[in-house]
Amino acid sequence: MGTRILTVEDDERIRTAVRFALEDEGWVVDEADSGESAIDQFSRGETDVVLIDIMLPGIDGFELCRTLRRNSDVPIIMVTARDDTHDVVAGLEAGADDYLTKPFAPKELSARIRALLRRNRPVTADASTVRIGDLEIAAEQGVVKRAGEEVHLTKTEFRLLCELASSPGKVFSRETLLEKVWGYDYFGDGRLVDVHVRRLRTKVEADPAHPRHVVTVRGMGYKIQS
C-alpha cells in the first residue's frame, strides 16, 4: 500500500488543491473537513502523516492533535493561518511534529512530508543500551525507560533524545538538531526544538522544571548529562 496522507481542512478549495499536489507525489490522500470526521477517518486504517488546519469547526486542530496523540505517534503537521507564536507553540505543545504557515508552496509541503516519512525509519544505532542516570535508551529496539518504567515517546521525541544521547556532554545547537532530527535543510525555527525539548523533559525527567538529563546551555543549545 502506498503512503497515506490524511488532510484535515474545512476549506474545500484548499483541501482540493492540497490533494492534487500530494497525489502528484504519488501519495494516497484521505480528506476530512472537521475534527470529528478526521477521527473517524483515522480510525479506519493506516495513516502515515496527518496534516491538520488549526481552525476547524467543532473540535479544533489543537484538540484533534491531542486526541490523536493519546493513542498514536503518527507524524503530524499543523497548519496555521499566520506565523503567530502562540498558535505555533500551542500546536507543537499539543503534539505536532512540525508546522506550516499559510500560504505555503506545494513543494514545501511535500518536502516536509518526505522529511517526516524519513523520520519513520529506524534510528541507526549500535546494539548497546545507553544508560544516563535513571534513563535507559535502547535505540535499536526503540525503547526508553526511566527508573525501569518504559516511557512512550513520539518518533520525533525519540530521535531527538537519541541524537543528544549519541554524545553525552556535547552541546548541540538548535540548528544542528533541526538538521539531524527534522531531517531537512531548514532555515529553522528554534521553537520546533525548544517545544520538543520541553515535551521530552515531561517524559524523561523526574522534575521537568529542574531537568537533570536534558539540560539547556544558555546561548548555545542543549546537551545530555548524567
N, C-alpha and C. Protein backbone atom coordinates (compact mmCIF):
# COMPACT_ATOMS: atom_id res chain seq x y z
N MET A 1 0.85 -1.19 0.00
CA MET A 1 0.00 0.00 0.00
C MET A 1 0.88 1.24 0.00
N GLY A 2 0.47 2.26 -0.76
CA GLY A 2 1.25 3.49 -0.84
C GLY A 2 1.12 4.33 0.41
N THR A 3 1.92 5.36 0.45
CA THR A 3 1.88 6.30 1.58
C THR A 3 0.53 7.00 1.63
N ARG A 4 -0.07 7.03 2.83
CA ARG A 4 -1.39 7.64 3.00
C ARG A 4 -1.26 8.91 3.83
N ILE A 5 -1.83 9.98 3.29
CA ILE A 5 -1.83 11.27 3.98
C ILE A 5 -3.27 11.63 4.29
N LEU A 6 -3.55 11.98 5.54
CA LEU A 6 -4.87 12.48 5.92
C LEU A 6 -4.80 13.99 6.05
N THR A 7 -5.57 14.71 5.22
CA THR A 7 -5.61 16.17 5.30
C THR A 7 -6.91 16.58 5.97
N VAL A 8 -6.78 17.44 6.97
CA VAL A 8 -7.94 17.90 7.73
C VAL A 8 -8.06 19.41 7.53
N GLU A 9 -9.02 19.82 6.72
CA GLU A 9 -9.15 21.22 6.30
C GLU A 9 -10.61 21.47 5.94
N ASP A 10 -11.22 22.51 6.53
CA ASP A 10 -12.64 22.76 6.26
C ASP A 10 -12.88 23.57 4.99
N ASP A 11 -11.85 24.21 4.45
CA ASP A 11 -11.99 24.96 3.21
C ASP A 11 -11.80 24.00 2.03
N GLU A 12 -12.89 23.77 1.29
CA GLU A 12 -12.85 22.77 0.23
C GLU A 12 -11.83 23.11 -0.85
N ARG A 13 -11.69 24.39 -1.18
CA ARG A 13 -10.74 24.78 -2.23
C ARG A 13 -9.30 24.44 -1.82
N ILE A 14 -8.96 24.76 -0.57
CA ILE A 14 -7.61 24.44 -0.09
C ILE A 14 -7.41 22.94 -0.03
N ARG A 15 -8.43 22.25 0.47
CA ARG A 15 -8.34 20.79 0.60
C ARG A 15 -8.11 20.13 -0.76
N THR A 16 -8.84 20.61 -1.76
CA THR A 16 -8.69 20.04 -3.11
C THR A 16 -7.31 20.34 -3.69
N ALA A 17 -6.83 21.57 -3.50
CA ALA A 17 -5.51 21.94 -4.02
C ALA A 17 -4.42 21.09 -3.36
N VAL A 18 -4.55 20.87 -2.06
CA VAL A 18 -3.57 20.04 -1.35
C VAL A 18 -3.63 18.61 -1.86
N ARG A 19 -4.84 18.11 -2.07
CA ARG A 19 -4.97 16.73 -2.57
C ARG A 19 -4.28 16.57 -3.93
N PHE A 20 -4.52 17.51 -4.84
CA PHE A 20 -3.89 17.42 -6.15
C PHE A 20 -2.36 17.42 -6.03
N ALA A 21 -1.84 18.31 -5.17
CA ALA A 21 -0.39 18.42 -5.01
C ALA A 21 0.20 17.13 -4.44
N LEU A 22 -0.48 16.54 -3.46
CA LEU A 22 0.05 15.32 -2.83
C LEU A 22 -0.11 14.11 -3.74
N GLU A 23 -1.21 14.07 -4.48
CA GLU A 23 -1.39 12.96 -5.42
C GLU A 23 -0.34 13.01 -6.53
N ASP A 24 0.09 14.21 -6.89
CA ASP A 24 1.17 14.34 -7.88
C ASP A 24 2.46 13.69 -7.39
N GLU A 25 2.61 13.59 -6.07
CA GLU A 25 3.79 12.94 -5.48
C GLU A 25 3.63 11.42 -5.42
N GLY A 26 2.45 10.93 -5.82
CA GLY A 26 2.20 9.50 -5.79
C GLY A 26 1.62 9.00 -4.48
N TRP A 27 1.19 9.93 -3.62
CA TRP A 27 0.64 9.54 -2.33
C TRP A 27 -0.88 9.40 -2.39
N VAL A 28 -1.41 8.55 -1.53
CA VAL A 28 -2.86 8.39 -1.40
C VAL A 28 -3.35 9.41 -0.38
N VAL A 29 -4.41 10.14 -0.72
CA VAL A 29 -4.88 11.23 0.13
C VAL A 29 -6.30 10.93 0.63
N ASP A 30 -6.46 10.94 1.95
CA ASP A 30 -7.78 10.90 2.57
C ASP A 30 -8.10 12.30 3.06
N GLU A 31 -9.38 12.67 3.05
CA GLU A 31 -9.77 14.03 3.39
C GLU A 31 -10.80 14.04 4.51
N ALA A 32 -10.72 15.08 5.33
CA ALA A 32 -11.71 15.32 6.37
C ALA A 32 -11.93 16.82 6.48
N ASP A 33 -13.19 17.23 6.69
CA ASP A 33 -13.49 18.66 6.78
C ASP A 33 -13.77 19.12 8.20
N SER A 34 -13.58 18.22 9.17
CA SER A 34 -13.78 18.58 10.57
C SER A 34 -12.97 17.63 11.44
N GLY A 35 -12.80 18.01 12.71
CA GLY A 35 -12.08 17.16 13.63
C GLY A 35 -12.77 15.82 13.84
N GLU A 36 -14.10 15.88 13.95
CA GLU A 36 -14.86 14.64 14.16
C GLU A 36 -14.70 13.69 12.98
N SER A 37 -14.78 14.25 11.77
CA SER A 37 -14.60 13.44 10.56
C SER A 37 -13.19 12.86 10.50
N ALA A 38 -12.21 13.65 10.93
CA ALA A 38 -10.83 13.18 10.91
C ALA A 38 -10.62 12.00 11.85
N ILE A 39 -11.22 12.06 13.03
CA ILE A 39 -11.10 10.96 13.99
C ILE A 39 -11.69 9.69 13.39
N ASP A 40 -12.85 9.84 12.72
CA ASP A 40 -13.48 8.69 12.08
C ASP A 40 -12.59 8.14 10.96
N GLN A 41 -12.06 9.02 10.12
CA GLN A 41 -11.18 8.59 9.03
C GLN A 41 -9.94 7.89 9.59
N PHE A 42 -9.36 8.46 10.62
CA PHE A 42 -8.12 7.93 11.18
C PHE A 42 -8.32 6.53 11.75
N SER A 43 -9.51 6.30 12.30
CA SER A 43 -9.78 5.01 12.93
C SER A 43 -9.98 3.88 11.93
N ARG A 44 -10.12 4.23 10.65
CA ARG A 44 -10.43 3.21 9.64
C ARG A 44 -9.22 2.43 9.14
N GLY A 45 -8.04 2.99 9.30
CA GLY A 45 -6.89 2.26 8.77
C GLY A 45 -5.60 3.00 8.97
N GLU A 46 -4.57 2.54 8.26
CA GLU A 46 -3.23 3.10 8.43
C GLU A 46 -3.10 4.47 7.78
N THR A 47 -2.64 5.43 8.55
CA THR A 47 -2.33 6.76 8.05
C THR A 47 -0.86 7.03 8.35
N ASP A 48 -0.13 7.53 7.37
CA ASP A 48 1.30 7.74 7.55
C ASP A 48 1.65 9.14 8.04
N VAL A 49 0.88 10.14 7.62
CA VAL A 49 1.09 11.52 8.04
C VAL A 49 -0.27 12.20 8.09
N VAL A 50 -0.46 13.07 9.10
CA VAL A 50 -1.70 13.84 9.21
C VAL A 50 -1.36 15.32 9.09
N LEU A 51 -2.12 16.01 8.24
CA LEU A 51 -1.98 17.45 8.04
C LEU A 51 -3.23 18.11 8.61
N ILE A 52 -3.08 18.93 9.65
CA ILE A 52 -4.23 19.47 10.38
C ILE A 52 -4.23 21.00 10.35
N ASP A 53 -5.32 21.57 9.87
CA ASP A 53 -5.51 23.02 9.98
C ASP A 53 -5.98 23.35 11.39
N ILE A 54 -5.47 24.41 11.96
CA ILE A 54 -5.83 24.76 13.33
C ILE A 54 -7.30 25.14 13.45
N MET A 55 -7.78 25.97 12.51
CA MET A 55 -9.13 26.50 12.59
C MET A 55 -10.11 25.53 11.95
N LEU A 56 -10.77 24.72 12.78
CA LEU A 56 -11.74 23.74 12.30
C LEU A 56 -13.05 23.93 13.04
N PRO A 57 -14.17 23.61 12.40
CA PRO A 57 -15.45 23.65 13.11
C PRO A 57 -15.52 22.52 14.13
N GLY A 58 -16.19 22.75 15.24
CA GLY A 58 -16.29 21.70 16.26
C GLY A 58 -14.97 21.53 16.98
N ILE A 59 -14.43 20.33 16.94
CA ILE A 59 -13.12 20.07 17.54
C ILE A 59 -12.06 20.82 16.75
N ASP A 60 -11.34 21.73 17.42
CA ASP A 60 -10.33 22.49 16.67
C ASP A 60 -9.06 21.66 16.47
N GLY A 61 -8.12 22.22 15.72
CA GLY A 61 -6.91 21.49 15.38
C GLY A 61 -6.08 21.09 16.58
N PHE A 62 -6.04 21.96 17.59
CA PHE A 62 -5.26 21.64 18.79
C PHE A 62 -5.82 20.41 19.50
N GLU A 63 -7.14 20.41 19.70
CA GLU A 63 -7.77 19.29 20.40
C GLU A 63 -7.69 18.01 19.57
N LEU A 64 -7.83 18.14 18.25
CA LEU A 64 -7.69 16.97 17.39
C LEU A 64 -6.29 16.37 17.52
N CYS A 65 -5.29 17.23 17.52
CA CYS A 65 -3.91 16.76 17.65
C CYS A 65 -3.72 16.03 18.98
N ARG A 66 -4.23 16.60 20.06
CA ARG A 66 -4.11 15.95 21.37
C ARG A 66 -4.83 14.60 21.38
N THR A 67 -5.99 14.54 20.73
CA THR A 67 -6.77 13.30 20.68
C THR A 67 -6.01 12.21 19.95
N LEU A 68 -5.44 12.54 18.79
CA LEU A 68 -4.68 11.55 18.04
C LEU A 68 -3.44 11.11 18.80
N ARG A 69 -2.81 12.05 19.51
CA ARG A 69 -1.57 11.75 20.24
C ARG A 69 -1.79 10.78 21.41
N ARG A 70 -3.01 10.72 21.92
CA ARG A 70 -3.24 9.84 23.07
C ARG A 70 -2.98 8.38 22.73
N ASN A 71 -3.20 8.02 21.48
CA ASN A 71 -3.08 6.62 21.10
C ASN A 71 -2.17 6.36 19.91
N SER A 72 -1.51 7.39 19.41
CA SER A 72 -0.71 7.21 18.20
C SER A 72 0.48 8.16 18.18
N ASP A 73 1.57 7.69 17.56
CA ASP A 73 2.72 8.57 17.34
C ASP A 73 2.83 8.94 15.87
N VAL A 74 1.71 8.89 15.14
CA VAL A 74 1.70 9.26 13.73
C VAL A 74 2.27 10.68 13.55
N PRO A 75 3.11 10.90 12.55
CA PRO A 75 3.63 12.26 12.32
C PRO A 75 2.50 13.23 11.99
N ILE A 76 2.55 14.40 12.61
CA ILE A 76 1.50 15.42 12.44
C ILE A 76 2.13 16.75 12.07
N ILE A 77 1.58 17.38 11.02
CA ILE A 77 1.95 18.74 10.65
C ILE A 77 0.75 19.63 10.91
N MET A 78 0.94 20.69 11.70
CA MET A 78 -0.11 21.67 11.94
C MET A 78 0.01 22.80 10.92
N VAL A 79 -1.13 23.31 10.47
CA VAL A 79 -1.16 24.42 9.52
C VAL A 79 -1.79 25.62 10.20
N THR A 80 -1.08 26.76 10.21
CA THR A 80 -1.59 27.97 10.83
C THR A 80 -1.83 29.03 9.77
N ALA A 81 -2.77 29.92 10.05
CA ALA A 81 -3.10 30.98 9.09
C ALA A 81 -2.07 32.10 9.13
N ARG A 82 -1.29 32.17 10.19
CA ARG A 82 -0.27 33.21 10.30
C ARG A 82 0.85 32.69 11.19
N ASP A 83 2.01 33.29 11.06
CA ASP A 83 3.17 32.87 11.85
C ASP A 83 3.06 33.49 13.24
N ASP A 84 2.05 33.06 13.96
CA ASP A 84 1.78 33.58 15.29
C ASP A 84 2.43 32.67 16.32
N THR A 85 3.25 33.26 17.17
CA THR A 85 4.00 32.46 18.13
C THR A 85 3.07 31.61 19.00
N HIS A 86 1.96 32.19 19.44
CA HIS A 86 1.04 31.45 20.30
C HIS A 86 0.48 30.23 19.59
N ASP A 87 0.02 30.41 18.33
CA ASP A 87 -0.54 29.29 17.59
C ASP A 87 0.51 28.22 17.32
N VAL A 88 1.70 28.64 16.93
CA VAL A 88 2.77 27.69 16.62
C VAL A 88 3.13 26.87 17.85
N VAL A 89 3.38 27.56 18.95
CA VAL A 89 3.78 26.86 20.18
C VAL A 89 2.65 25.97 20.68
N ALA A 90 1.41 26.47 20.63
CA ALA A 90 0.27 25.67 21.09
C ALA A 90 0.13 24.40 20.26
N GLY A 91 0.34 24.52 18.95
CA GLY A 91 0.26 23.34 18.09
C GLY A 91 1.33 22.33 18.40
N LEU A 92 2.55 22.80 18.61
CA LEU A 92 3.65 21.89 18.94
C LEU A 92 3.45 21.28 20.32
N GLU A 93 2.96 22.08 21.27
CA GLU A 93 2.70 21.56 22.62
C GLU A 93 1.59 20.50 22.58
N ALA A 94 0.66 20.64 21.63
CA ALA A 94 -0.43 19.67 21.51
C ALA A 94 0.06 18.33 20.96
N GLY A 95 1.27 18.34 20.40
CA GLY A 95 1.84 17.08 19.92
C GLY A 95 2.25 17.06 18.47
N ALA A 96 2.14 18.20 17.77
CA ALA A 96 2.55 18.23 16.36
C ALA A 96 4.06 18.08 16.24
N ASP A 97 4.50 17.49 15.13
CA ASP A 97 5.92 17.33 14.87
C ASP A 97 6.50 18.52 14.13
N ASP A 98 5.66 19.21 13.37
CA ASP A 98 6.12 20.32 12.54
C ASP A 98 4.92 21.23 12.27
N TYR A 99 5.18 22.37 11.65
CA TYR A 99 4.08 23.27 11.29
C TYR A 99 4.39 23.97 9.98
N LEU A 100 3.33 24.44 9.34
CA LEU A 100 3.43 25.24 8.13
C LEU A 100 2.53 26.45 8.27
N THR A 101 2.95 27.56 7.69
CA THR A 101 2.15 28.78 7.72
C THR A 101 1.54 29.02 6.34
N LYS A 102 0.23 29.29 6.32
CA LYS A 102 -0.44 29.63 5.06
C LYS A 102 -0.03 31.04 4.64
N PRO A 103 0.07 31.29 3.32
CA PRO A 103 0.03 30.30 2.24
C PRO A 103 1.37 29.59 2.12
N PHE A 104 1.34 28.35 1.70
CA PHE A 104 2.59 27.61 1.54
C PHE A 104 2.64 27.02 0.13
N ALA A 105 3.86 26.81 -0.35
CA ALA A 105 4.06 26.24 -1.68
C ALA A 105 3.91 24.72 -1.61
N PRO A 106 3.29 24.11 -2.62
CA PRO A 106 3.16 22.65 -2.62
C PRO A 106 4.49 21.93 -2.43
N LYS A 107 5.56 22.46 -3.02
CA LYS A 107 6.87 21.82 -2.89
C LYS A 107 7.35 21.83 -1.44
N GLU A 108 7.04 22.92 -0.73
CA GLU A 108 7.44 22.98 0.68
C GLU A 108 6.69 21.94 1.50
N LEU A 109 5.38 21.82 1.26
CA LEU A 109 4.58 20.82 1.96
C LEU A 109 5.11 19.42 1.67
N SER A 110 5.38 19.13 0.41
CA SER A 110 5.88 17.81 0.04
C SER A 110 7.22 17.52 0.70
N ALA A 111 8.09 18.54 0.78
CA ALA A 111 9.39 18.36 1.42
C ALA A 111 9.24 18.05 2.90
N ARG A 112 8.31 18.74 3.55
CA ARG A 112 8.09 18.48 4.98
C ARG A 112 7.59 17.05 5.19
N ILE A 113 6.66 16.63 4.34
CA ILE A 113 6.10 15.29 4.48
C ILE A 113 7.18 14.24 4.24
N ARG A 114 7.99 14.43 3.21
CA ARG A 114 9.07 13.47 2.95
C ARG A 114 10.02 13.39 4.14
N ALA A 115 10.29 14.53 4.76
CA ALA A 115 11.17 14.52 5.93
C ALA A 115 10.56 13.73 7.08
N LEU A 116 9.26 13.89 7.28
CA LEU A 116 8.58 13.13 8.33
C LEU A 116 8.59 11.64 8.02
N LEU A 117 8.41 11.29 6.76
CA LEU A 117 8.43 9.88 6.38
C LEU A 117 9.81 9.28 6.60
N ARG A 118 10.86 10.05 6.32
CA ARG A 118 12.22 9.57 6.59
C ARG A 118 12.42 9.34 8.07
N ARG A 119 11.80 10.18 8.87
CA ARG A 119 11.95 10.06 10.31
C ARG A 119 11.31 8.79 10.85
N ASN A 120 10.41 8.19 10.06
CA ASN A 120 9.78 6.95 10.49
C ASN A 120 10.72 5.76 10.39
N ARG A 121 11.83 5.93 9.66
CA ARG A 121 12.78 4.83 9.54
C ARG A 121 13.48 4.59 10.87
N PRO A 122 13.92 3.36 11.10
CA PRO A 122 14.61 3.07 12.37
C PRO A 122 15.84 3.95 12.56
N VAL A 123 16.10 4.28 13.81
CA VAL A 123 17.30 5.03 14.14
C VAL A 123 18.52 4.15 13.95
N THR A 124 19.54 4.68 13.29
CA THR A 124 20.79 3.93 13.13
C THR A 124 21.54 3.94 14.46
N ALA A 125 21.78 2.78 15.01
CA ALA A 125 22.42 2.73 16.33
C ALA A 125 23.06 1.37 16.53
N ASP A 126 23.98 1.30 17.48
CA ASP A 126 24.55 0.00 17.80
C ASP A 126 23.61 -0.73 18.74
N ALA A 127 23.99 -1.95 19.07
CA ALA A 127 23.08 -2.79 19.84
C ALA A 127 23.11 -2.50 21.33
N SER A 128 24.02 -1.64 21.77
CA SER A 128 24.16 -1.40 23.20
C SER A 128 23.08 -0.47 23.72
N THR A 129 22.80 -0.59 25.00
CA THR A 129 21.86 0.29 25.67
C THR A 129 22.63 1.41 26.35
N VAL A 130 22.23 2.64 26.08
CA VAL A 130 22.86 3.80 26.71
C VAL A 130 22.17 4.06 28.04
N ARG A 131 22.95 4.17 29.10
CA ARG A 131 22.40 4.46 30.42
C ARG A 131 22.92 5.81 30.90
N ILE A 132 21.98 6.68 31.21
CA ILE A 132 22.31 8.02 31.68
C ILE A 132 21.47 8.28 32.93
N GLY A 133 22.10 8.17 34.09
CA GLY A 133 21.33 8.29 35.32
C GLY A 133 20.28 7.20 35.37
N ASP A 134 19.02 7.59 35.57
CA ASP A 134 17.95 6.59 35.64
C ASP A 134 17.33 6.32 34.27
N LEU A 135 17.94 6.87 33.21
CA LEU A 135 17.44 6.64 31.85
C LEU A 135 18.16 5.47 31.19
N GLU A 136 17.39 4.66 30.47
CA GLU A 136 17.94 3.60 29.62
C GLU A 136 17.41 3.83 28.22
N ILE A 137 18.31 3.95 27.25
CA ILE A 137 17.91 4.22 25.87
C ILE A 137 18.41 3.08 25.00
N ALA A 138 17.49 2.24 24.55
CA ALA A 138 17.83 1.14 23.64
C ALA A 138 17.39 1.57 22.24
N ALA A 139 18.28 2.27 21.54
CA ALA A 139 17.91 2.87 20.26
C ALA A 139 17.52 1.82 19.23
N GLU A 140 18.23 0.70 19.21
CA GLU A 140 17.95 -0.33 18.21
C GLU A 140 16.55 -0.91 18.39
N GLN A 141 16.11 -1.03 19.64
CA GLN A 141 14.78 -1.56 19.93
C GLN A 141 13.70 -0.48 19.97
N GLY A 142 14.12 0.78 19.99
CA GLY A 142 13.16 1.87 20.06
C GLY A 142 12.51 1.98 21.42
N VAL A 143 13.26 1.64 22.47
CA VAL A 143 12.70 1.62 23.82
C VAL A 143 13.46 2.58 24.73
N VAL A 144 12.72 3.36 25.51
CA VAL A 144 13.30 4.25 26.51
C VAL A 144 12.63 3.95 27.85
N LYS A 145 13.44 3.80 28.89
CA LYS A 145 12.91 3.57 30.23
C LYS A 145 13.46 4.61 31.19
N ARG A 146 12.62 5.00 32.13
CA ARG A 146 13.06 5.88 33.21
C ARG A 146 12.76 5.18 34.52
N ALA A 147 13.78 4.98 35.32
CA ALA A 147 13.65 4.26 36.59
C ALA A 147 12.99 2.90 36.37
N GLY A 148 13.35 2.26 35.26
CA GLY A 148 12.84 0.92 34.98
C GLY A 148 11.50 0.86 34.30
N GLU A 149 10.82 2.00 34.18
CA GLU A 149 9.49 2.03 33.56
C GLU A 149 9.60 2.58 32.14
N GLU A 150 8.99 1.87 31.19
CA GLU A 150 9.05 2.32 29.80
C GLU A 150 8.23 3.59 29.63
N VAL A 151 8.78 4.54 28.88
CA VAL A 151 8.07 5.79 28.59
C VAL A 151 7.79 5.85 27.10
N HIS A 152 6.62 6.38 26.75
CA HIS A 152 6.23 6.46 25.34
C HIS A 152 6.65 7.80 24.77
N LEU A 153 7.44 7.75 23.72
CA LEU A 153 7.87 8.95 23.01
C LEU A 153 7.35 8.91 21.58
N THR A 154 7.07 10.08 21.02
CA THR A 154 6.79 10.13 19.59
C THR A 154 8.08 9.85 18.83
N LYS A 155 7.96 9.60 17.54
CA LYS A 155 9.16 9.32 16.74
C LYS A 155 10.13 10.50 16.78
N THR A 156 9.59 11.71 16.74
CA THR A 156 10.45 12.89 16.76
C THR A 156 11.14 13.04 18.11
N GLU A 157 10.39 12.84 19.19
CA GLU A 157 10.99 12.92 20.53
C GLU A 157 12.07 11.86 20.70
N PHE A 158 11.81 10.67 20.18
CA PHE A 158 12.79 9.58 20.30
C PHE A 158 14.07 9.92 19.54
N ARG A 159 13.93 10.43 18.33
CA ARG A 159 15.11 10.79 17.55
C ARG A 159 15.89 11.93 18.22
N LEU A 160 15.16 12.87 18.79
CA LEU A 160 15.81 13.97 19.49
C LEU A 160 16.63 13.45 20.67
N LEU A 161 16.03 12.57 21.46
CA LEU A 161 16.75 12.01 22.61
C LEU A 161 17.97 11.21 22.16
N CYS A 162 17.80 10.39 21.13
CA CYS A 162 18.93 9.58 20.64
C CYS A 162 20.06 10.45 20.11
N GLU A 163 19.70 11.54 19.43
CA GLU A 163 20.74 12.42 18.90
C GLU A 163 21.53 13.05 20.05
N LEU A 164 20.83 13.55 21.06
CA LEU A 164 21.51 14.14 22.21
C LEU A 164 22.35 13.10 22.95
N ALA A 165 21.80 11.89 23.08
CA ALA A 165 22.49 10.84 23.84
C ALA A 165 23.64 10.22 23.06
N SER A 166 23.74 10.52 21.77
CA SER A 166 24.83 9.95 20.97
C SER A 166 26.19 10.48 21.41
N SER A 167 26.19 11.66 22.03
CA SER A 167 27.45 12.25 22.53
C SER A 167 27.17 12.96 23.85
N PRO A 168 27.05 12.20 24.95
CA PRO A 168 26.77 12.82 26.24
C PRO A 168 27.79 13.91 26.56
N GLY A 169 27.29 15.03 27.03
CA GLY A 169 28.15 16.16 27.37
C GLY A 169 28.38 17.12 26.22
N LYS A 170 28.13 16.68 24.99
CA LYS A 170 28.31 17.57 23.83
C LYS A 170 27.12 18.50 23.71
N VAL A 171 27.40 19.77 23.43
CA VAL A 171 26.32 20.74 23.24
C VAL A 171 25.89 20.73 21.78
N PHE A 172 24.60 20.54 21.56
CA PHE A 172 24.03 20.56 20.21
C PHE A 172 23.27 21.88 20.02
N SER A 173 23.63 22.62 19.00
CA SER A 173 22.90 23.85 18.70
C SER A 173 21.52 23.51 18.16
N ARG A 174 20.62 24.47 18.21
CA ARG A 174 19.29 24.26 17.65
C ARG A 174 19.38 23.96 16.16
N GLU A 175 20.28 24.65 15.47
CA GLU A 175 20.43 24.44 14.03
C GLU A 175 20.87 23.01 13.72
N THR A 176 21.79 22.50 14.52
CA THR A 176 22.25 21.13 14.32
C THR A 176 21.13 20.14 14.57
N LEU A 177 20.35 20.37 15.62
CA LEU A 177 19.24 19.46 15.93
C LEU A 177 18.17 19.51 14.86
N LEU A 178 17.90 20.70 14.32
CA LEU A 178 16.93 20.80 13.22
C LEU A 178 17.38 19.96 12.04
N GLU A 179 18.65 20.03 11.73
CA GLU A 179 19.18 19.28 10.59
C GLU A 179 19.18 17.78 10.86
N LYS A 180 19.63 17.39 12.05
CA LYS A 180 19.78 15.98 12.36
C LYS A 180 18.46 15.29 12.64
N VAL A 181 17.57 15.97 13.35
CA VAL A 181 16.32 15.34 13.80
C VAL A 181 15.19 15.58 12.81
N TRP A 182 15.04 16.83 12.36
CA TRP A 182 13.93 17.13 11.45
C TRP A 182 14.26 16.74 10.01
N GLY A 183 15.54 16.61 9.72
CA GLY A 183 15.94 15.93 8.50
C GLY A 183 15.89 16.72 7.22
N TYR A 184 15.85 18.04 7.29
CA TYR A 184 15.94 18.82 6.06
C TYR A 184 16.67 20.11 6.34
N ASP A 185 17.26 20.64 5.29
CA ASP A 185 17.98 21.91 5.40
C ASP A 185 16.93 22.99 5.50
N TYR A 186 16.78 23.54 6.67
CA TYR A 186 15.60 24.33 7.00
C TYR A 186 16.06 25.57 7.75
N PHE A 187 15.72 26.76 7.25
CA PHE A 187 16.09 27.98 7.96
C PHE A 187 15.23 28.01 9.21
N GLY A 188 15.47 27.05 10.03
CA GLY A 188 14.53 26.61 11.01
C GLY A 188 14.17 27.60 12.07
N ASP A 189 13.18 27.19 12.70
CA ASP A 189 12.59 27.94 13.77
C ASP A 189 12.99 27.23 15.04
N GLY A 190 13.74 27.90 15.89
CA GLY A 190 14.17 27.28 17.14
C GLY A 190 13.03 26.83 18.01
N ARG A 191 11.82 27.37 17.76
CA ARG A 191 10.66 26.95 18.55
C ARG A 191 10.39 25.46 18.39
N LEU A 192 10.65 24.92 17.20
CA LEU A 192 10.46 23.48 17.00
C LEU A 192 11.29 22.69 18.00
N VAL A 193 12.55 23.06 18.13
CA VAL A 193 13.44 22.36 19.05
C VAL A 193 13.04 22.62 20.49
N ASP A 194 12.81 23.87 20.83
CA ASP A 194 12.52 24.22 22.22
C ASP A 194 11.28 23.51 22.74
N VAL A 195 10.22 23.50 21.94
CA VAL A 195 8.98 22.86 22.39
C VAL A 195 9.15 21.35 22.49
N HIS A 196 9.86 20.75 21.54
CA HIS A 196 10.07 19.31 21.63
C HIS A 196 10.95 18.94 22.82
N VAL A 197 11.91 19.78 23.15
CA VAL A 197 12.72 19.53 24.35
C VAL A 197 11.83 19.59 25.59
N ARG A 198 10.93 20.58 25.65
CA ARG A 198 10.02 20.67 26.80
C ARG A 198 9.15 19.42 26.90
N ARG A 199 8.62 18.99 25.75
CA ARG A 199 7.79 17.78 25.75
C ARG A 199 8.60 16.57 26.19
N LEU A 200 9.82 16.47 25.69
CA LEU A 200 10.69 15.35 26.06
C LEU A 200 10.96 15.34 27.56
N ARG A 201 11.21 16.50 28.12
CA ARG A 201 11.50 16.58 29.56
C ARG A 201 10.33 16.10 30.41
N THR A 202 9.10 16.34 29.96
CA THR A 202 7.95 15.89 30.75
C THR A 202 7.89 14.37 30.84
N LYS A 203 8.59 13.70 29.94
CA LYS A 203 8.54 12.25 29.90
C LYS A 203 9.78 11.57 30.48
N VAL A 204 10.93 12.23 30.40
CA VAL A 204 12.16 11.56 30.83
C VAL A 204 12.78 12.16 32.09
N GLU A 205 12.23 13.26 32.56
CA GLU A 205 12.77 13.90 33.76
C GLU A 205 11.83 13.67 34.95
N ALA A 206 12.40 13.40 36.10
CA ALA A 206 11.59 13.28 37.31
C ALA A 206 10.95 14.61 37.66
N ASP A 207 11.69 15.71 37.43
CA ASP A 207 11.18 17.06 37.67
C ASP A 207 11.48 17.89 36.42
N PRO A 208 10.53 17.96 35.48
CA PRO A 208 10.79 18.67 34.22
C PRO A 208 11.18 20.13 34.40
N ALA A 209 10.73 20.75 35.49
CA ALA A 209 11.06 22.15 35.72
C ALA A 209 12.52 22.33 36.12
N HIS A 210 13.12 21.26 36.62
CA HIS A 210 14.53 21.29 37.02
C HIS A 210 15.22 20.07 36.42
N PRO A 211 15.43 20.07 35.10
CA PRO A 211 15.95 18.88 34.41
C PRO A 211 17.37 18.52 34.83
N ARG A 212 17.60 17.21 34.93
CA ARG A 212 18.92 16.69 35.28
C ARG A 212 19.62 16.07 34.08
N HIS A 213 18.85 15.64 33.09
CA HIS A 213 19.42 14.92 31.96
C HIS A 213 19.50 15.78 30.70
N VAL A 214 18.36 16.31 30.26
CA VAL A 214 18.32 17.14 29.06
C VAL A 214 18.41 18.59 29.51
N VAL A 215 19.60 19.15 29.43
CA VAL A 215 19.82 20.47 30.03
C VAL A 215 20.09 21.52 28.96
N THR A 216 19.74 22.75 29.30
CA THR A 216 19.97 23.89 28.42
C THR A 216 21.34 24.49 28.70
N VAL A 217 22.06 24.78 27.64
CA VAL A 217 23.31 25.53 27.75
C VAL A 217 23.02 26.89 27.14
N ARG A 218 22.87 27.87 28.01
CA ARG A 218 22.39 29.19 27.59
C ARG A 218 23.22 29.76 26.44
N GLY A 219 22.50 30.20 25.42
CA GLY A 219 23.14 30.81 24.27
C GLY A 219 23.77 29.84 23.29
N MET A 220 23.69 28.54 23.61
CA MET A 220 24.35 27.55 22.75
C MET A 220 23.41 26.45 22.27
N GLY A 221 22.61 25.90 23.17
CA GLY A 221 21.72 24.81 22.76
C GLY A 221 21.42 23.87 23.91
N TYR A 222 21.48 22.57 23.62
CA TYR A 222 21.11 21.56 24.60
C TYR A 222 22.15 20.44 24.63
N LYS A 223 22.20 19.75 25.78
CA LYS A 223 23.07 18.59 25.88
C LYS A 223 22.46 17.59 26.85
N ILE A 224 22.95 16.37 26.78
CA ILE A 224 22.61 15.32 27.73
C ILE A 224 23.74 15.23 28.74
N GLN A 225 23.36 15.22 30.00
CA GLN A 225 24.36 14.98 31.04
C GLN A 225 23.80 13.99 32.04
N SER A 226 24.66 13.15 32.60
CA SER A 226 24.23 12.14 33.56
C SER A 226 24.14 12.75 34.94
